[in-house]
Amino acid sequence: MRISRDKLNKLAHTVADTLAEIDEVGFLEDRNTIRQEARKALEKLLTDEMKLDAGARQKIASQRKTIPEGSQEWDILYRKYYNDEVKKLGL
């Protein structure tokens, strides 16, 4: 899934603001640094997810017969191959 830069920044702001509201959480850095690190972590997570998705789709596309996306067989294979990709990356 592709998320715009604005939405990613908004989400990072929300993470930093939510953490700031928790009494048990103390920041060692300023809030902007926390927001930037949250954005980097979210970007990495989304990038990893796109790689997993692309790997699963590539495996389905390489099947001998054409499997239409949205079919029950496609969904089953997608879940299987997606989970295989997750295991391969050690996530």
Protein backbone atom coordinates (compact mmCIF):
# COMPACT_ATOMS: atom_id res chain seq x y z
CA MET A 1 0.00 0.00 0.00
CA ARG A 2 1.34 3.39 -0.89
CA ILE A 3 0.79 6.24 1.59
CA SER A 4 1.43 9.86 0.73
CA ARG A 5 4.22 11.72 2.50
CA ASP A 6 1.66 14.00 4.19
CA LYS A 7 -0.27 11.05 5.61
CA LEU A 8 2.93 9.41 6.79
CA ASN A 9 3.98 12.63 8.55
CA LYS A 10 0.52 12.96 10.11
CA LEU A 11 0.77 9.40 11.39
CA ALA A 12 4.26 10.06 12.80
CA HIS A 13 2.93 13.19 14.56
CA THR A 14 0.11 11.12 16.04
CA VAL A 15 2.57 8.52 17.31
CA ALA A 16 4.81 11.15 18.91
CA ASP A 17 1.84 13.01 20.43
CA THR A 18 0.32 9.81 21.80
CA LEU A 19 3.62 8.77 23.37
CA ALA A 20 3.98 12.23 24.91
CA GLU A 21 0.59 11.85 26.62
CA ILE A 22 1.60 8.62 28.38
CA ASP A 23 2.93 9.38 31.88
CA GLU A 24 5.21 6.35 31.92
CA VAL A 25 7.01 7.48 28.74
CA GLY A 26 9.85 9.96 28.91
CA PHE A 27 11.68 11.33 25.89
CA LEU A 28 15.47 11.50 25.83
CA GLU A 29 15.27 13.53 22.61
CA ASP A 30 13.01 16.39 21.55
CA ARG A 31 9.59 15.57 20.11
CA ASN A 32 10.62 16.44 16.55
CA THR A 33 13.42 13.85 16.65
CA ILE A 34 10.93 11.28 17.96
CA ARG A 35 8.54 12.16 15.12
CA GLN A 36 11.31 11.81 12.53
CA GLU A 37 12.34 8.40 13.89
CA ALA A 38 8.70 7.27 13.92
CA ARG A 39 8.41 8.34 10.27
CA LYS A 40 11.57 6.41 9.36
CA ALA A 41 10.27 3.30 11.13
CA LEU A 42 6.91 3.58 9.37
CA GLU A 43 8.60 4.07 5.99
CA LYS A 44 10.73 0.96 6.55
CA LEU A 45 7.69 -1.04 7.61
CA LEU A 46 5.76 0.01 4.50
CA THR A 47 8.75 -0.66 2.24
CA ASP A 48 9.14 -4.15 3.71
CA GLU A 49 5.43 -4.81 3.25
CA MET A 50 5.62 -3.74 -0.41
CA LYS A 51 8.52 -6.16 -0.96
CA LEU A 52 6.54 -8.99 0.64
CA ASP A 53 3.52 -8.19 -1.51
CA ALA A 54 5.59 -8.00 -4.69
CA GLY A 55 7.28 -11.31 -3.91
CA ALA A 56 3.97 -13.08 -3.32
CA ARG A 57 2.44 -11.61 -6.49
CA GLN A 58 5.51 -12.60 -8.53
CA LYS A 59 5.24 -16.21 -7.36
CA ILE A 60 1.56 -16.30 -8.31
CA ALA A 61 2.30 -14.76 -11.71
CA SER A 62 4.97 -17.38 -12.38
CA GLN A 63 2.48 -20.25 -12.13
CA ARG A 64 1.97 -22.27 -15.31
CA LYS A 65 -1.72 -21.51 -15.44
CA THR A 66 -3.16 -18.03 -15.13
CA ILE A 67 -4.81 -17.50 -11.77
CA PRO A 68 -7.20 -14.54 -11.74
CA GLU A 69 -6.70 -12.11 -8.88
CA GLY A 70 -9.62 -12.18 -6.47
CA SER A 71 -10.36 -15.85 -7.02
CA GLN A 72 -10.32 -18.21 -4.05
CA GLU A 73 -7.23 -19.97 -5.42
CA TRP A 74 -5.41 -16.64 -5.83
CA ASP A 75 -6.26 -15.61 -2.26
CA ILE A 76 -5.02 -18.92 -0.84
CA LEU A 77 -1.78 -18.77 -2.83
CA TYR A 78 -1.26 -15.12 -1.91
CA ARG A 79 -1.54 -15.84 1.81
CA LYS A 80 0.79 -18.84 1.49
CA TYR A 81 3.42 -17.02 -0.55
CA TYR A 82 3.15 -13.85 1.57
CA ASN A 83 3.79 -15.91 4.71
CA ASP A 84 6.71 -17.63 2.96
CA GLU A 85 8.19 -14.21 2.17
CA VAL A 86 7.74 -13.12 5.80
CA LYS A 87 9.61 -16.21 6.99
CA LYS A 88 12.34 -15.67 4.41
CA LEU A 89 12.95 -12.13 5.70
CA GLY A 90 12.73 -13.27 9.31
CA LEU A 91 9.94 -10.88 10.25
